[in-house]
Amino acid sequence: ADGLGFVRGGWQNPQLMLPRSTLQAVAYRL
């Protein structure tokens, strides 16, 4: 059907302890 893709913020990573940012690319599909 339709699809949707974008980047979201607010992905928790306290004190940047994990080797990634607080941004995450996400998408939706059927």
Full PDB file with SEQRES, HELIX, SHEET, SSBOND, CRYST1, ORIGX, SCALE, CONECT and MASTER records, all heavy atoms in Angstrom:
SEQRES   1 A   30  ALA ASP GLY LEU GLY PHE VAL ARG GLY GLY TRP GLN ASN          
SEQRES   2 A   30  PRO GLN LEU MET LEU PRO ARG SER THR LEU GLN ALA VAL          
SEQRES   3 A   30  ALA TYR ARG LEU                                              
HELIX    1 AA1 PRO A   14  LEU A   16  5                                   3    
SHEET    1 AA1 2 LEU A   4  ARG A   8  0                                        
SHEET    2 AA1 2 GLN A  24  TYR A  28 -1                                        
CRYST1    1.000    1.000    1.000  90.00  90.00  90.00 P 1           1          
ORIGX1      1.000000  0.000000  0.000000        0.00000                         
ORIGX2      0.000000  1.000000  0.000000        0.00000                         
ORIGX3      0.000000  0.000000  1.000000        0.00000                         
SCALE1      1.000000  0.000000  0.000000        0.00000                         
SCALE2      0.000000  1.000000  0.000000        0.00000                         
SCALE3      0.000000  0.000000  1.000000        0.00000                         
ATOM      1  N   ALA A   1       0.873  -1.167   0.000  1.00  0.00           N  
ATOM      2  CA  ALA A   1       0.000   0.000   0.000  1.00  0.00           C  
ATOM      3  C   ALA A   1       0.916   1.224   0.000  1.00  0.00           C  
ATOM      4  O   ALA A   1       1.805   1.329  -0.828  1.00  0.00           O  
ATOM      5  CB  ALA A   1      -0.937  -0.026   1.207  1.00  0.00           C  
ATOM      6  N   ASP A   2       0.719   2.143   0.936  1.00  0.00           N  
ATOM      7  CA  ASP A   2       1.617   3.285   1.060  1.00  0.00           C  
ATOM      8  C   ASP A   2       2.802   2.936   1.946  1.00  0.00           C  
ATOM      9  O   ASP A   2       2.761   1.992   2.743  1.00  0.00           O  
ATOM     10  CB  ASP A   2       0.875   4.485   1.660  1.00  0.00           C  
ATOM     11  CG  ASP A   2      -0.020   5.176   0.634  1.00  0.00           C  
ATOM     12  OD1 ASP A   2      -0.011   4.745  -0.540  1.00  0.00           O  
ATOM     13  OD2 ASP A   2      -0.720   6.126   1.011  1.00  0.00           O  
ATOM     14  N   GLY A   3       3.846   3.738   1.812  1.00  0.00           N  
ATOM     15  CA  GLY A   3       5.011   3.619   2.682  1.00  0.00           C  
ATOM     16  C   GLY A   3       5.385   4.996   3.194  1.00  0.00           C  
ATOM     17  O   GLY A   3       4.990   6.023   2.621  1.00  0.00           O  
ATOM     18  N   LEU A   4       6.161   5.042   4.266  1.00  0.00           N  
ATOM     19  CA  LEU A   4       6.547   6.308   4.874  1.00  0.00           C  
ATOM     20  C   LEU A   4       7.921   6.157   5.512  1.00  0.00           C  
ATOM     21  O   LEU A   4       8.170   5.188   6.221  1.00  0.00           O  
ATOM     22  CB  LEU A   4       5.525   6.714   5.943  1.00  0.00           C  
ATOM     23  CG  LEU A   4       5.832   7.971   6.761  1.00  0.00           C  
ATOM     24  CD1 LEU A   4       5.800   9.214   5.866  1.00  0.00           C  
ATOM     25  CD2 LEU A   4       4.835   8.129   7.901  1.00  0.00           C  
ATOM     26  N   GLY A   5       8.818   7.117   5.236  1.00  0.00           N  
ATOM     27  CA  GLY A   5      10.146   7.081   5.820  1.00  0.00           C  
ATOM     28  C   GLY A   5      10.615   8.460   6.229  1.00  0.00           C  
ATOM     29  O   GLY A   5      10.362   9.444   5.532  1.00  0.00           O  
ATOM     30  N   PHE A   6      11.311   8.556   7.377  1.00  0.00           N  
ATOM     31  CA  PHE A   6      11.805   9.830   7.882  1.00  0.00           C  
ATOM     32  C   PHE A   6      12.802   9.562   9.008  1.00  0.00           C  
ATOM     33  O   PHE A   6      13.080   8.397   9.342  1.00  0.00           O  
ATOM     34  CB  PHE A   6      10.653  10.713   8.396  1.00  0.00           C  
ATOM     35  CG  PHE A   6       9.797  10.050   9.442  1.00  0.00           C  
ATOM     36  CD1 PHE A   6      10.044  10.244  10.803  1.00  0.00           C  
ATOM     37  CD2 PHE A   6       8.748   9.222   9.077  1.00  0.00           C  
ATOM     38  CE1 PHE A   6       9.267   9.627  11.761  1.00  0.00           C  
ATOM     39  CE2 PHE A   6       7.957   8.599  10.043  1.00  0.00           C  
ATOM     40  CZ  PHE A   6       8.222   8.800  11.381  1.00  0.00           C  
ATOM     41  N   VAL A   7      13.329  10.621   9.597  1.00  0.00           N  
ATOM     42  CA  VAL A   7      14.260  10.499  10.717  1.00  0.00           C  
ATOM     43  C   VAL A   7      13.592  11.070  11.962  1.00  0.00           C  
ATOM     44  O   VAL A   7      12.992  12.145  11.924  1.00  0.00           O  
ATOM     45  CB  VAL A   7      15.582  11.246  10.433  1.00  0.00           C  
ATOM     46  CG1 VAL A   7      16.486  11.227  11.668  1.00  0.00           C  
ATOM     47  CG2 VAL A   7      16.297  10.614   9.253  1.00  0.00           C  
ATOM     48  N   ARG A   8      13.705  10.371  13.051  1.00  0.00           N  
ATOM     49  CA  ARG A   8      13.142  10.838  14.324  1.00  0.00           C  
ATOM     50  C   ARG A   8      14.272  11.108  15.305  1.00  0.00           C  
ATOM     51  O   ARG A   8      15.347  10.504  15.267  1.00  0.00           O  
ATOM     52  CB  ARG A   8      12.199   9.798  14.921  1.00  0.00           C  
ATOM     53  CG  ARG A   8      12.853   8.457  15.153  1.00  0.00           C  
ATOM     54  CD  ARG A   8      12.170   7.666  16.230  1.00  0.00           C  
ATOM     55  NE  ARG A   8      12.344   8.251  17.541  1.00  0.00           N  
ATOM     56  CZ  ARG A   8      12.210   7.566  18.677  1.00  0.00           C  
ATOM     57  NH1 ARG A   8      11.907   6.287  18.653  1.00  0.00           N  
ATOM     58  NH2 ARG A   8      12.376   8.150  19.840  1.00  0.00           N  
ATOM     59  N   GLY A   9      14.006  12.027  16.211  1.00  0.00           N  
ATOM     60  CA  GLY A   9      14.937  12.309  17.292  1.00  0.00           C  
ATOM     61  C   GLY A   9      14.424  11.698  18.580  1.00  0.00           C  
ATOM     62  O   GLY A   9      13.461  10.938  18.600  1.00  0.00           O  
ATOM     63  N   GLY A  10      15.094  12.051  19.681  1.00  0.00           N  
ATOM     64  CA  GLY A  10      14.624  11.584  20.979  1.00  0.00           C  
ATOM     65  C   GLY A  10      14.883  10.129  21.272  1.00  0.00           C  
ATOM     66  O   GLY A  10      14.291   9.566  22.199  1.00  0.00           O  
ATOM     67  N   TRP A  11      15.766   9.479  20.485  1.00  0.00           N  
ATOM     68  CA  TRP A  11      16.099   8.090  20.763  1.00  0.00           C  
ATOM     69  C   TRP A  11      17.106   8.082  21.908  1.00  0.00           C  
ATOM     70  O   TRP A  11      18.250   8.460  21.737  1.00  0.00           O  
ATOM     71  CB  TRP A  11      16.678   7.450  19.510  1.00  0.00           C  
ATOM     72  CG  TRP A  11      16.787   5.960  19.575  1.00  0.00           C  
ATOM     73  CD1 TRP A  11      16.091   5.123  20.390  1.00  0.00           C  
ATOM     74  CD2 TRP A  11      17.646   5.139  18.777  1.00  0.00           C  
ATOM     75  NE1 TRP A  11      16.449   3.827  20.160  1.00  0.00           N  
ATOM     76  CE2 TRP A  11      17.405   3.787  19.167  1.00  0.00           C  
ATOM     77  CE3 TRP A  11      18.578   5.383  17.776  1.00  0.00           C  
ATOM     78  CZ2 TRP A  11      18.073   2.723  18.594  1.00  0.00           C  
ATOM     79  CZ3 TRP A  11      19.233   4.312  17.206  1.00  0.00           C  
ATOM     80  CH2 TRP A  11      18.994   3.004  17.602  1.00  0.00           C  
ATOM     81  N   GLN A  12      16.667   7.663  23.046  1.00  0.00           N  
ATOM     82  CA  GLN A  12      17.463   7.832  24.259  1.00  0.00           C  
ATOM     83  C   GLN A  12      18.809   7.118  24.176  1.00  0.00           C  
ATOM     84  O   GLN A  12      18.893   5.950  23.798  1.00  0.00           O  
ATOM     85  CB  GLN A  12      16.683   7.326  25.474  1.00  0.00           C  
ATOM     86  CG  GLN A  12      15.461   8.165  25.802  1.00  0.00           C  
ATOM     87  CD  GLN A  12      14.804   7.734  27.089  1.00  0.00           C  
ATOM     88  OE1 GLN A  12      15.249   6.817  27.766  1.00  0.00           O  
ATOM     89  NE2 GLN A  12      13.737   8.414  27.460  1.00  0.00           N  
ATOM     90  N   ASN A  13      19.849   7.856  24.538  1.00  0.00           N  
ATOM     91  CA  ASN A  13      21.216   7.338  24.601  1.00  0.00           C  
ATOM     92  C   ASN A  13      21.931   8.106  25.717  1.00  0.00           C  
ATOM     93  O   ASN A  13      22.714   9.019  25.456  1.00  0.00           O  
ATOM     94  CB  ASN A  13      21.938   7.520  23.267  1.00  0.00           C  
ATOM     95  CG  ASN A  13      23.280   6.800  23.223  1.00  0.00           C  
ATOM     96  OD1 ASN A  13      23.700   6.171  24.193  1.00  0.00           O  
ATOM     97  ND2 ASN A  13      23.963   6.896  22.094  1.00  0.00           N  
ATOM     98  N   PRO A  14      21.632   7.755  26.981  1.00  0.00           N  
ATOM     99  CA  PRO A  14      22.152   8.535  28.113  1.00  0.00           C  
ATOM    100  C   PRO A  14      23.667   8.690  28.074  1.00  0.00           C  
ATOM    101  O   PRO A  14      24.408   7.713  27.969  1.00  0.00           O  
ATOM    102  CB  PRO A  14      21.714   7.700  29.338  1.00  0.00           C  
ATOM    103  CG  PRO A  14      20.552   6.903  28.844  1.00  0.00           C  
ATOM    104  CD  PRO A  14      20.833   6.608  27.406  1.00  0.00           C  
ATOM    105  N   GLN A  15      24.112   9.965  28.111  1.00  0.00           N  
ATOM    106  CA  GLN A  15      25.532  10.314  28.114  1.00  0.00           C  
ATOM    107  C   GLN A  15      26.276   9.720  26.915  1.00  0.00           C  
ATOM    108  O   GLN A  15      27.480   9.525  26.956  1.00  0.00           O  
ATOM    109  CB  GLN A  15      26.191   9.859  29.422  1.00  0.00           C  
ATOM    110  CG  GLN A  15      25.592  10.524  30.649  1.00  0.00           C  
ATOM    111  CD  GLN A  15      26.260  10.070  31.935  1.00  0.00           C  
ATOM    112  OE1 GLN A  15      27.089   9.164  31.938  1.00  0.00           O  
ATOM    113  NE2 GLN A  15      25.917  10.725  33.030  1.00  0.00           N  
ATOM    114  N   LEU A  16      25.523   9.440  25.850  1.00  0.00           N  
ATOM    115  CA  LEU A  16      26.098   8.888  24.614  1.00  0.00           C  
ATOM    116  C   LEU A  16      26.965   7.658  24.902  1.00  0.00           C  
ATOM    117  O   LEU A  16      28.037   7.462  24.314  1.00  0.00           O  
ATOM    118  CB  LEU A  16      26.910   9.962  23.887  1.00  0.00           C  
ATOM    119  CG  LEU A  16      26.110  11.195  23.426  1.00  0.00           C  
ATOM    120  CD1 LEU A  16      27.027  12.194  22.754  1.00  0.00           C  
ATOM    121  CD2 LEU A  16      24.986  10.777  22.481  1.00  0.00           C  
ATOM    122  N   MET A  17      26.482   6.814  25.800  1.00  0.00           N  
ATOM    123  CA  MET A  17      27.240   5.623  26.174  1.00  0.00           C  
ATOM    124  C   MET A  17      27.249   4.583  25.058  1.00  0.00           C  
ATOM    125  O   MET A  17      28.190   3.799  24.939  1.00  0.00           O  
ATOM    126  CB  MET A  17      26.656   5.023  27.456  1.00  0.00           C  
ATOM    127  CG  MET A  17      26.791   5.925  28.685  1.00  0.00           C  
ATOM    128  SD  MET A  17      26.089   5.167  30.165  1.00  0.00           S  
ATOM    129  CE  MET A  17      27.135   3.735  30.360  1.00  0.00           C  
ATOM    130  N   LEU A  18      26.203   4.565  24.233  1.00  0.00           N  
ATOM    131  CA  LEU A  18      26.152   3.626  23.118  1.00  0.00           C  
ATOM    132  C   LEU A  18      26.781   4.256  21.877  1.00  0.00           C  
ATOM    133  O   LEU A  18      26.706   5.480  21.694  1.00  0.00           O  
ATOM    134  CB  LEU A  18      24.695   3.236  22.827  1.00  0.00           C  
ATOM    135  CG  LEU A  18      23.951   2.557  23.988  1.00  0.00           C  
ATOM    136  CD1 LEU A  18      22.504   2.322  23.623  1.00  0.00           C  
ATOM    137  CD2 LEU A  18      24.628   1.235  24.346  1.00  0.00           C  
ATOM    138  N   PRO A  19      27.382   3.460  21.002  1.00  0.00           N  
ATOM    139  CA  PRO A  19      28.050   4.002  19.812  1.00  0.00           C  
ATOM    140  C   PRO A  19      27.063   4.386  18.716  1.00  0.00           C  
ATOM    141  O   PRO A  19      27.082   3.855  17.599  1.00  0.00           O  
ATOM    142  CB  PRO A  19      28.960   2.844  19.380  1.00  0.00           C  
ATOM    143  CG  PRO A  19      28.229   1.616  19.823  1.00  0.00           C  
ATOM    144  CD  PRO A  19      27.575   1.994  21.123  1.00  0.00           C  
ATOM    145  N   ARG A  20      26.161   5.278  19.032  1.00  0.00           N  
ATOM    146  CA  ARG A  20      25.177   5.773  18.059  1.00  0.00           C  
ATOM    147  C   ARG A  20      24.680   7.127  18.523  1.00  0.00           C  
ATOM    148  O   ARG A  20      24.928   7.551  19.652  1.00  0.00           O  
ATOM    149  CB  ARG A  20      24.008   4.804  17.935  1.00  0.00           C  
ATOM    150  CG  ARG A  20      23.242   4.586  19.249  1.00  0.00           C  
ATOM    151  CD  ARG A  20      21.944   3.867  19.012  1.00  0.00           C  
ATOM    152  NE  ARG A  20      21.229   3.554  20.241  1.00  0.00           N  
ATOM    153  CZ  ARG A  20      20.499   4.410  20.950  1.00  0.00           C  
ATOM    154  NH1 ARG A  20      20.393   5.671  20.537  1.00  0.00           N  
ATOM    155  NH2 ARG A  20      19.884   4.038  22.059  1.00  0.00           N  
ATOM    156  N   SER A  21      23.945   7.804  17.638  1.00  0.00           N  
ATOM    157  CA  SER A  21      23.391   9.100  17.997  1.00  0.00           C  
ATOM    158  C   SER A  21      22.001   8.925  18.603  1.00  0.00           C  
ATOM    159  O   SER A  21      21.527   7.806  18.786  1.00  0.00           O  
ATOM    160  CB  SER A  21      23.304   9.986  16.748  1.00  0.00           C  
ATOM    161  OG  SER A  21      22.254   9.538  15.901  1.00  0.00           O  
ATOM    162  N   THR A  22      21.356  10.048  18.881  1.00  0.00           N  
ATOM    163  CA  THR A  22      19.986  10.010  19.390  1.00  0.00           C  
ATOM    164  C   THR A  22      18.974  10.119  18.251  1.00  0.00           C  
ATOM    165  O   THR A  22      17.778  10.217  18.494  1.00  0.00           O  
ATOM    166  CB  THR A  22      19.750  11.154  20.388  1.00  0.00           C  
ATOM    167  OG1 THR A  22      20.022  12.400  19.743  1.00  0.00           O  
ATOM    168  CG2 THR A  22      20.644  10.998  21.606  1.00  0.00           C  
ATOM    169  N   LEU A  23      19.469  10.105  17.000  1.00  0.00           N  
ATOM    170  CA  LEU A  23      18.599  10.122  15.833  1.00  0.00           C  
ATOM    171  C   LEU A  23      18.453   8.703  15.295  1.00  0.00           C  
ATOM    172  O   LEU A  23      19.358   7.882  15.407  1.00  0.00           O  
ATOM    173  CB  LEU A  23      19.170  11.025  14.735  1.00  0.00           C  
ATOM    174  CG  LEU A  23      19.379  12.494  15.097  1.00  0.00           C  
ATOM    175  CD1 LEU A  23      19.983  13.240  13.915  1.00  0.00           C  
ATOM    176  CD2 LEU A  23      18.070  13.143  15.513  1.00  0.00           C  
ATOM    177  N   GLN A  24      17.318   8.443  14.686  1.00  0.00           N  
ATOM    178  CA  GLN A  24      17.054   7.114  14.146  1.00  0.00           C  
ATOM    179  C   GLN A  24      16.209   7.229  12.883  1.00  0.00           C  
ATOM    180  O   GLN A  24      15.172   7.910  12.875  1.00  0.00           O  
ATOM    181  CB  GLN A  24      16.325   6.250  15.178  1.00  0.00           C  
ATOM    182  CG  GLN A  24      16.086   4.812  14.714  1.00  0.00           C  
ATOM    183  CD  GLN A  24      15.305   4.008  15.742  1.00  0.00           C  
ATOM    184  OE1 GLN A  24      14.352   4.502  16.328  1.00  0.00           O  
ATOM    185  NE2 GLN A  24      15.699   2.763  15.945  1.00  0.00           N  
ATOM    186  N   ALA A  25      16.653   6.572  11.835  1.00  0.00           N  
ATOM    187  CA  ALA A  25      15.853   6.499  10.609  1.00  0.00           C  
ATOM    188  C   ALA A  25      14.798   5.408  10.774  1.00  0.00           C  
ATOM    189  O   ALA A  25      15.115   4.273  11.139  1.00  0.00           O  
ATOM    190  CB  ALA A  25      16.746   6.201   9.412  1.00  0.00           C  
ATOM    191  N   VAL A  26      13.541   5.756  10.521  1.00  0.00           N  
ATOM    192  CA  VAL A  26      12.455   4.786  10.658  1.00  0.00           C  
ATOM    193  C   VAL A  26      11.583   4.824   9.414  1.00  0.00           C  
ATOM    194  O   VAL A  26      11.574   5.817   8.670  1.00  0.00           O  
ATOM    195  CB  VAL A  26      11.586   5.077  11.907  1.00  0.00           C  
ATOM    196  CG1 VAL A  26      12.396   4.933  13.173  1.00  0.00           C  
ATOM    197  CG2 VAL A  26      10.966   6.461  11.832  1.00  0.00           C  
ATOM    198  N   ALA A  27      10.864   3.761   9.188  1.00  0.00           N  
ATOM    199  CA  ALA A  27       9.967   3.691   8.040  1.00  0.00           C  
ATOM    200  C   ALA A  27       8.818   2.745   8.360  1.00  0.00           C  
ATOM    201  O   ALA A  27       8.925   1.878   9.237  1.00  0.00           O  
ATOM    202  CB  ALA A  27      10.717   3.226   6.793  1.00  0.00           C  
ATOM    203  N   TYR A  28       7.725   2.917   7.629  1.00  0.00           N  
ATOM    204  CA  TYR A  28       6.535   2.089   7.809  1.00  0.00           C  
ATOM    205  C   TYR A  28       6.068   1.578   6.447  1.00  0.00           C  
ATOM    206  O   TYR A  28       6.143   2.290   5.451  1.00  0.00           O  
ATOM    207  CB  TYR A  28       5.406   2.881   8.474  1.00  0.00           C  
ATOM    208  CG  TYR A  28       5.673   3.219   9.920  1.00  0.00           C  
ATOM    209  CD1 TYR A  28       6.423   4.337  10.271  1.00  0.00           C  
ATOM    210  CD2 TYR A  28       5.192   2.400  10.932  1.00  0.00           C  
ATOM    211  CE1 TYR A  28       6.684   4.638  11.597  1.00  0.00           C  
ATOM    212  CE2 TYR A  28       5.440   2.697  12.266  1.00  0.00           C  
ATOM    213  CZ  TYR A  28       6.184   3.813  12.592  1.00  0.00           C  
ATOM    214  OH  TYR A  28       6.444   4.100  13.909  1.00  0.00           O  
ATOM    215  N   ARG A  29       5.583   0.336   6.445  1.00  0.00           N  
ATOM    216  CA  ARG A  29       5.064  -0.245   5.207  1.00  0.00           C  
ATOM    217  C   ARG A  29       4.063  -1.348   5.549  1.00  0.00           C  
ATOM    218  O   ARG A  29       3.971  -1.791   6.711  1.00  0.00           O  
ATOM    219  CB  ARG A  29       6.204  -0.817   4.371  1.00  0.00           C  
ATOM    220  CG  ARG A  29       6.842  -2.081   4.967  1.00  0.00           C  
ATOM    221  CD  ARG A  29       8.001  -2.568   4.137  1.00  0.00           C  
ATOM    222  NE  ARG A  29       8.587  -3.790   4.699  1.00  0.00           N  
ATOM    223  CZ  ARG A  29       9.707  -4.342   4.267  1.00  0.00           C  
ATOM    224  NH1 ARG A  29      10.392  -3.754   3.271  1.00  0.00           N  
ATOM    225  NH2 ARG A  29      10.165  -5.458   4.816  1.00  0.00           N  
ATOM    226  N   LEU A  30       3.357  -1.805   4.521  1.00  0.00           N  
ATOM    227  CA  LEU A  30       2.391  -2.898   4.672  1.00  0.00           C  
ATOM    228  C   LEU A  30       2.838  -4.052   3.789  1.00  0.00           C  
ATOM    229  O   LEU A  30       3.008  -3.886   2.581  1.00  0.00           O  
ATOM    230  CB  LEU A  30       0.987  -2.436   4.268  1.00  0.00           C  
ATOM    231  CG  LEU A  30      -0.134  -3.485   4.396  1.00  0.00           C  
ATOM    232  CD1 LEU A  30      -0.379  -3.812   5.858  1.00  0.00           C  
ATOM    233  CD2 LEU A  30      -1.424  -2.980   3.749  1.00  0.00           C  
TER     234      LEU A  30                                                      
MASTER        0    0    0    1    2    0    0    6  233    1    0    3          
END                                                                             
